[in-house]
PDB file of all heavy atoms in Angstrom:
ATOM      1  N   GLU A   1    -144.867 -50.627  76.314  1.00  0.00           N
ATOM      2  CA  GLU A   1    -145.911 -50.718  75.275  1.00  0.00           C
ATOM      3  C   GLU A   1    -145.975 -49.430  74.482  1.00  0.00           C
ATOM      4  O   GLU A   1    -145.930 -48.340  75.048  1.00  0.00           O
ATOM      5  CB  GLU A   1    -147.279 -50.967  75.911  1.00  0.00           C
ATOM      6  CG  GLU A   1    -147.294 -52.263  76.728  1.00  0.00           C
ATOM      7  CD  GLU A   1    -148.649 -52.534  77.346  1.00  0.00           C
ATOM      8  OE1 GLU A   1    -149.504 -53.111  76.655  1.00  0.00           O
ATOM      9  OE2 GLU A   1    -148.880 -52.134  78.512  1.00  0.00           O
ATOM     10  N   LYS A   2    -146.056 -49.569  73.153  1.00  0.00           N
ATOM     11  CA  LYS A   2    -146.091 -48.393  72.296  1.00  0.00           C
ATOM     12  C   LYS A   2    -147.348 -47.598  72.630  1.00  0.00           C
ATOM     13  O   LYS A   2    -148.455 -48.109  72.555  1.00  0.00           O
ATOM     14  CB  LYS A   2    -146.087 -48.845  70.822  1.00  0.00           C
ATOM     15  CG  LYS A   2    -145.398 -47.878  69.906  1.00  0.00           C
ATOM     16  CD  LYS A   2    -145.364 -48.404  68.487  1.00  0.00           C
ATOM     17  CE  LYS A   2    -144.046 -49.084  68.141  1.00  0.00           C
ATOM     18  NZ  LYS A   2    -143.965 -49.468  66.736  1.00  0.00           N
ATOM     19  N   LYS A   3    -147.146 -46.332  73.029  1.00  0.00           N
ATOM     20  CA  LYS A   3    -148.275 -45.511  73.473  1.00  0.00           C
ATOM     21  C   LYS A   3    -149.403 -45.422  72.448  1.00  0.00           C
ATOM     22  O   LYS A   3    -150.576 -45.401  72.811  1.00  0.00           O
ATOM     23  CB  LYS A   3    -147.778 -44.083  73.814  1.00  0.00           C
ATOM     24  CG  LYS A   3    -147.052 -43.998  75.140  1.00  0.00           C
ATOM     25  CD  LYS A   3    -146.558 -42.571  75.367  1.00  0.00           C
ATOM     26  CE  LYS A   3    -145.713 -42.487  76.627  1.00  0.00           C
ATOM     27  NZ  LYS A   3    -145.006 -41.197  76.691  1.00  0.00           N
ATOM     28  N   ASP A   4    -149.045 -45.402  71.176  1.00  0.00           N
ATOM     29  CA  ASP A   4    -150.069 -45.294  70.122  1.00  0.00           C
ATOM     30  C   ASP A   4    -151.098 -46.400  70.232  1.00  0.00           C
ATOM     31  O   ASP A   4    -152.263 -46.208  69.866  1.00  0.00           O
ATOM     32  CB  ASP A   4    -149.435 -45.401  68.729  1.00  0.00           C
ATOM     33  CG  ASP A   4    -148.837 -44.075  68.289  1.00  0.00           C
ATOM     34  OD1 ASP A   4    -149.076 -43.069  68.977  1.00  0.00           O
ATOM     35  OD2 ASP A   4    -148.134 -44.060  67.264  1.00  0.00           O
ATOM     36  N   TYR A   5    -150.707 -47.573  70.702  1.00  0.00           N
ATOM     37  CA  TYR A   5    -151.627 -48.719  70.758  1.00  0.00           C
ATOM     38  C   TYR A   5    -152.343 -48.870  72.095  1.00  0.00           C
ATOM     39  O   TYR A   5    -153.278 -49.626  72.204  1.00  0.00           O
ATOM     40  CB  TYR A   5    -150.872 -50.018  70.447  1.00  0.00           C
ATOM     41  CG  TYR A   5    -150.409 -50.083  69.018  1.00  0.00           C
ATOM     42  CD1 TYR A   5    -149.095 -49.799  68.693  1.00  0.00           C
ATOM     43  CD2 TYR A   5    -151.295 -50.421  68.000  1.00  0.00           C
ATOM     44  CE1 TYR A   5    -148.665 -49.853  67.370  1.00  0.00           C
ATOM     45  CE2 TYR A   5    -150.875 -50.481  66.678  1.00  0.00           C
ATOM     46  CZ  TYR A   5    -149.562 -50.201  66.369  1.00  0.00           C
ATOM     47  OH  TYR A   5    -149.135 -50.251  65.076  1.00  0.00           O
ATOM     48  N   VAL A   6    -151.875 -48.173  73.121  1.00  0.00           N
ATOM     49  CA  VAL A   6    -152.540 -48.323  74.429  1.00  0.00           C
ATOM     50  C   VAL A   6    -153.204 -47.020  74.891  1.00  0.00           C
ATOM     51  O   VAL A   6    -153.973 -47.024  75.827  1.00  0.00           O
ATOM     52  CB  VAL A   6    -151.590 -48.817  75.531  1.00  0.00           C
ATOM     53  CG1 VAL A   6    -151.181 -50.258  75.291  1.00  0.00           C
ATOM     54  CG2 VAL A   6    -150.352 -47.940  75.648  1.00  0.00           C
ATOM     55  N   ARG A   7    -152.948 -45.936  74.155  1.00  0.00           N
ATOM     56  CA  ARG A   7    -153.487 -44.651  74.538  1.00  0.00           C
ATOM     57  C   ARG A   7    -154.938 -44.586  74.086  1.00  0.00           C
ATOM     58  O   ARG A   7    -155.272 -44.968  72.990  1.00  0.00           O
ATOM     59  CB  ARG A   7    -152.640 -43.597  73.842  1.00  0.00           C
ATOM     60  CG  ARG A   7    -153.256 -42.273  73.700  1.00  0.00           C
ATOM     61  CD  ARG A   7    -152.254 -41.225  73.288  1.00  0.00           C
ATOM     62  NE  ARG A   7    -151.559 -41.472  72.066  1.00  0.00           N
ATOM     63  CZ  ARG A   7    -150.362 -40.987  71.800  1.00  0.00           C
ATOM     64  NH1 ARG A   7    -149.705 -40.314  72.726  1.00  0.00           N
ATOM     65  NH2 ARG A   7    -149.785 -41.212  70.655  1.00  0.00           N
ATOM     66  N   ASN A   8    -155.817 -44.092  74.922  1.00  0.00           N
ATOM     67  CA  ASN A   8    -157.214 -43.974  74.535  1.00  0.00           C
ATOM     68  C   ASN A   8    -157.669 -42.551  74.345  1.00  0.00           C
ATOM     69  O   ASN A   8    -158.832 -42.228  74.500  1.00  0.00           O
ATOM     70  CB  ASN A   8    -158.117 -44.708  75.523  1.00  0.00           C
ATOM     71  CG  ASN A   8    -158.264 -46.167  75.152  1.00  0.00           C
ATOM     72  OD1 ASN A   8    -158.255 -46.484  73.964  1.00  0.00           O
ATOM     73  ND2 ASN A   8    -158.353 -47.033  76.116  1.00  0.00           N
ATOM     74  N   CYS A   9    -156.713 -41.669  74.029  1.00  0.00           N
ATOM     75  CA  CYS A   9    -157.130 -40.290  73.761  1.00  0.00           C
ATOM     76  C   CYS A   9    -156.706 -39.942  72.354  1.00  0.00           C
ATOM     77  O   CYS A   9    -155.787 -40.543  71.802  1.00  0.00           O
ATOM     78  CB  CYS A   9    -156.527 -39.323  74.778  1.00  0.00           C
ATOM     79  SG  CYS A   9    -154.750 -39.362  74.800  1.00  0.00           S
ATOM     80  N   ILE A  10    -157.348 -38.959  71.795  1.00  0.00           N
ATOM     81  CA  ILE A  10    -157.041 -38.542  70.432  1.00  0.00           C
ATOM     82  C   ILE A  10    -156.196 -37.284  70.473  1.00  0.00           C
ATOM     83  O   ILE A  10    -156.461 -36.361  71.239  1.00  0.00           O
ATOM     84  CB  ILE A  10    -158.358 -38.334  69.656  1.00  0.00           C
ATOM     85  CG1 ILE A  10    -158.945 -39.726  69.366  1.00  0.00           C
ATOM     86  CG2 ILE A  10    -158.112 -37.537  68.383  1.00  0.00           C
ATOM     87  CD1 ILE A  10    -160.258 -39.699  68.677  1.00  0.00           C
ATOM     88  N   ILE A  11    -155.150 -37.274  69.697  1.00  0.00           N
ATOM     89  CA  ILE A  11    -154.254 -36.125  69.643  1.00  0.00           C
ATOM     90  C   ILE A  11    -154.410 -35.489  68.276  1.00  0.00           C
ATOM     91  O   ILE A  11    -154.386 -36.195  67.269  1.00  0.00           O
ATOM     92  CB  ILE A  11    -152.793 -36.622  69.863  1.00  0.00           C
ATOM     93  CG1 ILE A  11    -152.772 -37.399  71.158  1.00  0.00           C
ATOM     94  CG2 ILE A  11    -151.799 -35.471  69.754  1.00  0.00           C
ATOM     95  CD1 ILE A  11    -151.638 -37.223  72.059  1.00  0.00           C
ATOM     96  N   GLY A  12    -154.631 -34.180  68.250  1.00  0.00           N
ATOM     97  CA  GLY A  12    -154.823 -33.500  66.971  1.00  0.00           C
ATOM     98  C   GLY A  12    -156.093 -33.990  66.291  1.00  0.00           C
ATOM     99  O   GLY A  12    -157.129 -34.126  66.888  1.00  0.00           O
ATOM    100  N   LYS A  13    -155.954 -34.347  65.003  1.00  0.00           N
ATOM    101  CA  LYS A  13    -157.105 -34.830  64.236  1.00  0.00           C
ATOM    102  C   LYS A  13    -157.399 -36.314  64.478  1.00  0.00           C
ATOM    103  O   LYS A  13    -158.358 -36.859  63.961  1.00  0.00           O
ATOM    104  CB  LYS A  13    -156.863 -34.596  62.741  1.00  0.00           C
ATOM    105  CG  LYS A  13    -156.965 -33.135  62.346  1.00  0.00           C
ATOM    106  CD  LYS A  13    -157.317 -33.024  60.885  1.00  0.00           C
ATOM    107  CE  LYS A  13    -157.851 -31.652  60.529  1.00  0.00           C
ATOM    108  NZ  LYS A  13    -156.815 -30.721  60.109  1.00  0.00           N
ATOM    109  N   GLY A  14    -156.489 -36.983  65.200  1.00  0.00           N
ATOM    110  CA  GLY A  14    -156.733 -38.393  65.492  1.00  0.00           C
ATOM    111  C   GLY A  14    -156.334 -39.366  64.411  1.00  0.00           C
ATOM    112  O   GLY A  14    -156.661 -40.528  64.456  1.00  0.00           O
ATOM    113  N   ALA A  15    -155.576 -38.880  63.417  1.00  0.00           N
ATOM    114  CA  ALA A  15    -155.197 -39.729  62.293  1.00  0.00           C
ATOM    115  C   ALA A  15    -154.340 -40.909  62.743  1.00  0.00           C
ATOM    116  O   ALA A  15    -154.363 -41.976  62.133  1.00  0.00           O
ATOM    117  CB  ALA A  15    -154.449 -38.926  61.248  1.00  0.00           C
ATOM    118  N   ASP A  16    -153.588 -40.746  63.845  1.00  0.00           N
ATOM    119  CA  ASP A  16    -152.708 -41.798  64.325  1.00  0.00           C
ATOM    120  C   ASP A  16    -153.337 -42.655  65.397  1.00  0.00           C
ATOM    121  O   ASP A  16    -152.680 -43.525  65.951  1.00  0.00           O
ATOM    122  CB  ASP A  16    -151.416 -41.190  64.895  1.00  0.00           C
ATOM    123  CG  ASP A  16    -150.576 -40.529  63.819  1.00  0.00           C
ATOM    124  OD1 ASP A  16    -150.689 -40.951  62.652  1.00  0.00           O
ATOM    125  OD2 ASP A  16    -149.842 -39.581  64.146  1.00  0.00           O
ATOM    126  N   TYR A  17    -154.597 -42.392  65.717  1.00  0.00           N
ATOM    127  CA  TYR A  17    -155.241 -43.131  66.808  1.00  0.00           C
ATOM    128  C   TYR A  17    -155.350 -44.606  66.495  1.00  0.00           C
ATOM    129  O   TYR A  17    -155.814 -44.991  65.420  1.00  0.00           O
ATOM    130  CB  TYR A  17    -156.644 -42.539  67.063  1.00  0.00           C
ATOM    131  CG  TYR A  17    -157.368 -43.263  68.156  1.00  0.00           C
ATOM    132  CD1 TYR A  17    -156.976 -43.157  69.481  1.00  0.00           C
ATOM    133  CD2 TYR A  17    -158.451 -44.096  67.876  1.00  0.00           C
ATOM    134  CE1 TYR A  17    -157.627 -43.825  70.497  1.00  0.00           C
ATOM    135  CE2 TYR A  17    -159.118 -44.752  68.876  1.00  0.00           C
ATOM    136  CZ  TYR A  17    -158.712 -44.617  70.186  1.00  0.00           C
ATOM    137  OH  TYR A  17    -159.357 -45.279  71.179  1.00  0.00           O
ATOM    138  N   LYS A  18    -154.877 -45.455  67.410  1.00  0.00           N
ATOM    139  CA  LYS A  18    -154.949 -46.909  67.207  1.00  0.00           C
ATOM    140  C   LYS A  18    -155.601 -47.593  68.416  1.00  0.00           C
ATOM    141  O   LYS A  18    -155.459 -48.787  68.624  1.00  0.00           O
ATOM    142  CB  LYS A  18    -153.538 -47.487  67.007  1.00  0.00           C
ATOM    143  CG  LYS A  18    -152.879 -46.967  65.743  1.00  0.00           C
ATOM    144  CD  LYS A  18    -151.510 -47.603  65.585  1.00  0.00           C
ATOM    145  CE  LYS A  18    -150.818 -47.152  64.327  1.00  0.00           C
ATOM    146  NZ  LYS A  18    -150.265 -45.812  64.414  1.00  0.00           N
ATOM    147  N   GLY A  19    -156.247 -46.800  69.236  1.00  0.00           N
ATOM    148  CA  GLY A  19    -156.893 -47.368  70.431  1.00  0.00           C
ATOM    149  C   GLY A  19    -158.142 -48.148  70.114  1.00  0.00           C
ATOM    150  O   GLY A  19    -158.461 -48.430  68.961  1.00  0.00           O
ATOM    151  N   THR A  20    -158.893 -48.465  71.150  1.00  0.00           N
ATOM    152  CA  THR A  20    -160.049 -49.351  70.964  1.00  0.00           C
ATOM    153  C   THR A  20    -161.389 -48.691  71.350  1.00  0.00           C
ATOM    154  O   THR A  20    -162.403 -49.361  71.376  1.00  0.00           O
ATOM    155  CB  THR A  20    -159.860 -50.597  71.818  1.00  0.00           C
ATOM    156  OG1 THR A  20    -159.625 -50.207  73.168  1.00  0.00           O
ATOM    157  CG2 THR A  20    -158.674 -51.440  71.348  1.00  0.00           C
ATOM    158  N   ILE A  21    -161.380 -47.398  71.623  1.00  0.00           N
ATOM    159  CA  ILE A  21    -162.603 -46.737  72.011  1.00  0.00           C
ATOM    160  C   ILE A  21    -163.489 -46.544  70.766  1.00  0.00           C
ATOM    161  O   ILE A  21    -163.037 -46.087  69.721  1.00  0.00           O
ATOM    162  CB  ILE A  21    -162.304 -45.358  72.653  1.00  0.00           C
ATOM    163  CG1 ILE A  21    -161.486 -45.531  73.934  1.00  0.00           C
ATOM    164  CG2 ILE A  21    -163.596 -44.582  72.937  1.00  0.00           C
ATOM    165  CD1 ILE A  21    -162.213 -46.237  75.057  1.00  0.00           C
ATOM    166  N   SER A  22    -164.759 -46.939  70.856  1.00  0.00           N
ATOM    167  CA  SER A  22    -165.654 -46.842  69.689  1.00  0.00           C
ATOM    168  C   SER A  22    -166.944 -46.123  70.042  1.00  0.00           C
ATOM    169  O   SER A  22    -167.946 -46.228  69.326  1.00  0.00           O
ATOM    170  CB  SER A  22    -165.970 -48.228  69.151  1.00  0.00           C
ATOM    171  OG  SER A  22    -166.587 -48.999  70.153  1.00  0.00           O
ATOM    172  N   VAL A  23    -166.948 -45.391  71.149  1.00  0.00           N
ATOM    173  CA  VAL A  23    -168.096 -44.572  71.513  1.00  0.00           C
ATOM    174  C   VAL A  23    -167.620 -43.166  71.854  1.00  0.00           C
ATOM    175  O   VAL A  23    -166.498 -42.984  72.290  1.00  0.00           O
ATOM    176  CB  VAL A  23    -168.899 -45.139  72.710  1.00  0.00           C
ATOM    177  CG1 VAL A  23    -169.634 -46.406  72.353  1.00  0.00           C
ATOM    178  CG2 VAL A  23    -168.004 -45.362  73.924  1.00  0.00           C
ATOM    179  N   THR A  24    -168.495 -42.182  71.630  1.00  0.00           N
ATOM    180  CA  THR A  24    -168.147 -40.808  71.954  1.00  0.00           C
ATOM    181  C   THR A  24    -168.200 -40.586  73.467  1.00  0.00           C
ATOM    182  O   THR A  24    -168.652 -41.477  74.189  1.00  0.00           O
ATOM    183  CB  THR A  24    -169.127 -39.816  71.292  1.00  0.00           C
ATOM    184  OG1 THR A  24    -170.424 -40.037  71.866  1.00  0.00           O
ATOM    185  CG2 THR A  24    -169.203 -40.011  69.789  1.00  0.00           C
ATOM    186  N   LYS A  25    -167.761 -39.409  73.905  1.00  0.00           N
ATOM    187  CA  LYS A  25    -167.788 -39.087  75.335  1.00  0.00           C
ATOM    188  C   LYS A  25    -169.176 -39.312  75.946  1.00  0.00           C
ATOM    189  O   LYS A  25    -169.312 -39.751  77.053  1.00  0.00           O
ATOM    190  CB  LYS A  25    -167.399 -37.626  75.531  1.00  0.00           C
ATOM    191  CG  LYS A  25    -165.960 -37.435  75.914  1.00  0.00           C
ATOM    192  CD  LYS A  25    -165.689 -35.982  76.287  1.00  0.00           C
ATOM    193  CE  LYS A  25    -164.217 -35.781  76.516  1.00  0.00           C
ATOM    194  NZ  LYS A  25    -163.801 -34.416  76.230  1.00  0.00           N
ATOM    195  N   SER A  26    -170.195 -38.962  75.151  1.00  0.00           N
ATOM    196  CA  SER A  26    -171.565 -39.096  75.675  1.00  0.00           C
ATOM    197  C   SER A  26    -172.169 -40.479  75.435  1.00  0.00           C
ATOM    198  O   SER A  26    -173.331 -40.718  75.700  1.00  0.00           O
ATOM    199  CB  SER A  26    -172.461 -38.007  75.051  1.00  0.00           C
ATOM    200  OG  SER A  26    -172.464 -38.161  73.645  1.00  0.00           O
ATOM    201  N   GLY A  27    -171.352 -41.399  74.910  1.00  0.00           N
ATOM    202  CA  GLY A  27    -171.827 -42.798  74.767  1.00  0.00           C
ATOM    203  C   GLY A  27    -172.450 -43.160  73.426  1.00  0.00           C
ATOM    204  O   GLY A  27    -173.027 -44.233  73.281  1.00  0.00           O
ATOM    205  N   ILE A  28    -172.341 -42.278  72.434  1.00  0.00           N
ATOM    206  CA  ILE A  28    -172.897 -42.587  71.102  1.00  0.00           C
ATOM    207  C   ILE A  28    -171.899 -43.476  70.339  1.00  0.00           C
ATOM    208  O   ILE A  28    -170.714 -43.197  70.321  1.00  0.00           O
ATOM    209  CB  ILE A  28    -173.174 -41.285  70.295  1.00  0.00           C
ATOM    210  CG1 ILE A  28    -174.191 -40.421  71.059  1.00  0.00           C
ATOM    211  CG2 ILE A  28    -173.632 -41.599  68.879  1.00  0.00           C
ATOM    212  CD1 ILE A  28    -174.238 -38.988  70.583  1.00  0.00           C
ATOM    213  N   GLN A  29    -172.407 -44.547  69.709  1.00  0.00           N
ATOM    214  CA  GLN A  29    -171.568 -45.434  68.911  1.00  0.00           C
ATOM    215  C   GLN A  29    -170.904 -44.698  67.767  1.00  0.00           C
ATOM    216  O   GLN A  29    -171.576 -43.943  67.068  1.00  0.00           O
ATOM    217  CB  GLN A  29    -172.432 -46.585  68.374  1.00  0.00           C
ATOM    218  CG  GLN A  29    -171.684 -47.676  67.637  1.00  0.00           C
ATOM    219  CD  GLN A  29    -170.709 -48.456  68.495  1.00  0.00           C
ATOM    220  OE1 GLN A  29    -171.011 -48.774  69.642  1.00  0.00           O
ATOM    221  NE2 GLN A  29    -169.554 -48.735  67.964  1.00  0.00           N
ATOM    222  N   CYS A  30    -169.619 -44.889  67.558  1.00  0.00           N
ATOM    223  CA  CYS A  30    -168.910 -44.191  66.476  1.00  0.00           C
ATOM    224  C   CYS A  30    -169.278 -44.787  65.116  1.00  0.00           C
ATOM    225  O   CYS A  30    -169.617 -45.961  64.990  1.00  0.00           O
ATOM    226  CB  CYS A  30    -167.394 -44.320  66.652  1.00  0.00           C
ATOM    227  SG  CYS A  30    -166.794 -43.478  68.135  1.00  0.00           S
ATOM    228  N   GLN A  31    -169.163 -43.940  64.113  1.00  0.00           N
ATOM    229  CA  GLN A  31    -169.425 -44.380  62.728  1.00  0.00           C
ATOM    230  C   GLN A  31    -168.218 -45.177  62.241  1.00  0.00           C
ATOM    231  O   GLN A  31    -167.080 -44.786  62.496  1.00  0.00           O
ATOM    232  CB  GLN A  31    -169.607 -43.114  61.878  1.00  0.00           C
ATOM    233  CG  GLN A  31    -169.757 -43.382  60.403  1.00  0.00           C
ATOM    234  CD  GLN A  31    -169.951 -42.077  59.648  1.00  0.00           C
ATOM    235  OE1 GLN A  31    -170.521 -41.129  60.153  1.00  0.00           O
ATOM    236  NE2 GLN A  31    -169.447 -42.022  58.424  1.00  0.00           N
ATOM    237  N   ALA A  32    -168.481 -46.273  61.536  1.00  0.00           N
ATOM    238  CA  ALA A  32    -167.399 -47.107  61.002  1.00  0.00           C
ATOM    239  C   ALA A  32    -166.644 -46.324  59.936  1.00  0.00           C
ATOM    240  O   ALA A  32    -167.245 -45.505  59.205  1.00  0.00           O
ATOM    241  CB  ALA A  32    -167.968 -48.384  60.415  1.00  0.00           C
ATOM    242  N   TRP A  33    -165.326 -46.545  59.819  1.00  0.00           N
ATOM    243  CA  TRP A  33    -164.515 -45.828  58.829  1.00  0.00           C
ATOM    244  C   TRP A  33    -164.967 -46.128  57.407  1.00  0.00           C
ATOM    245  O   TRP A  33    -164.838 -45.303  56.522  1.00  0.00           O
ATOM    246  CB  TRP A  33    -163.027 -46.231  58.977  1.00  0.00           C
ATOM    247  CG  TRP A  33    -162.399 -45.541  60.134  1.00  0.00           C
ATOM    248  CD1 TRP A  33    -161.976 -46.105  61.299  1.00  0.00           C
ATOM    249  CD2 TRP A  33    -162.112 -44.136  60.261  1.00  0.00           C
ATOM    250  NE1 TRP A  33    -161.463 -45.158  62.139  1.00  0.00           N
ATOM    251  CE2 TRP A  33    -161.513 -43.941  61.543  1.00  0.00           C
ATOM    252  CE3 TRP A  33    -162.287 -43.025  59.420  1.00  0.00           C
ATOM    253  CZ2 TRP A  33    -161.106 -42.675  61.973  1.00  0.00           C
ATOM    254  CZ3 TRP A  33    -161.874 -41.781  59.877  1.00  0.00           C
ATOM    255  CH2 TRP A  33    -161.309 -41.608  61.128  1.00  0.00           C
ATOM    256  N   ASN A  34    -165.473 -47.357  57.176  1.00  0.00           N
ATOM    257  CA  ASN A  34    -165.866 -47.720  55.811  1.00  0.00           C
ATOM    258  C   ASN A  34    -167.280 -47.249  55.458  1.00  0.00           C
ATOM    259  O   ASN A  34    -167.810 -47.572  54.428  1.00  0.00           O
ATOM    260  CB  ASN A  34    -165.732 -49.229  55.584  1.00  0.00           C
ATOM    261  CG  ASN A  34    -166.575 -50.040  56.570  1.00  0.00           C
ATOM    262  OD1 ASN A  34    -167.358 -49.457  57.347  1.00  0.00           O
ATOM    263  ND2 ASN A  34    -166.423 -51.333  56.558  1.00  0.00           N
ATOM    264  N   SER A  35    -167.913 -46.472  56.353  1.00  0.00           N
ATOM    265  CA  SER A  35    -169.239 -45.976  56.105  1.00  0.00           C
ATOM    266  C   SER A  35    -169.210 -44.466  55.860  1.00  0.00           C
ATOM    267  O   SER A  35    -168.474 -43.734  56.484  1.00  0.00           O
ATOM    268  CB  SER A  35    -170.131 -46.257  57.331  1.00  0.00           C
ATOM    269  OG  SER A  35    -171.359 -45.593  57.211  1.00  0.00           O
TER     270      SER A  35
END
C-alpha cells in the first residue's frame, strides 16, 4: 500500500498528507480546507 495513503503522520508541512485523521493530538476537530 502506498504509504502516502495509509500513513497517519504529517511529514514537514503536511502538503502531501493523504491520511484520514481530522482531529488534533488533543482531540480538537480540524478546520476544513475550504474554510
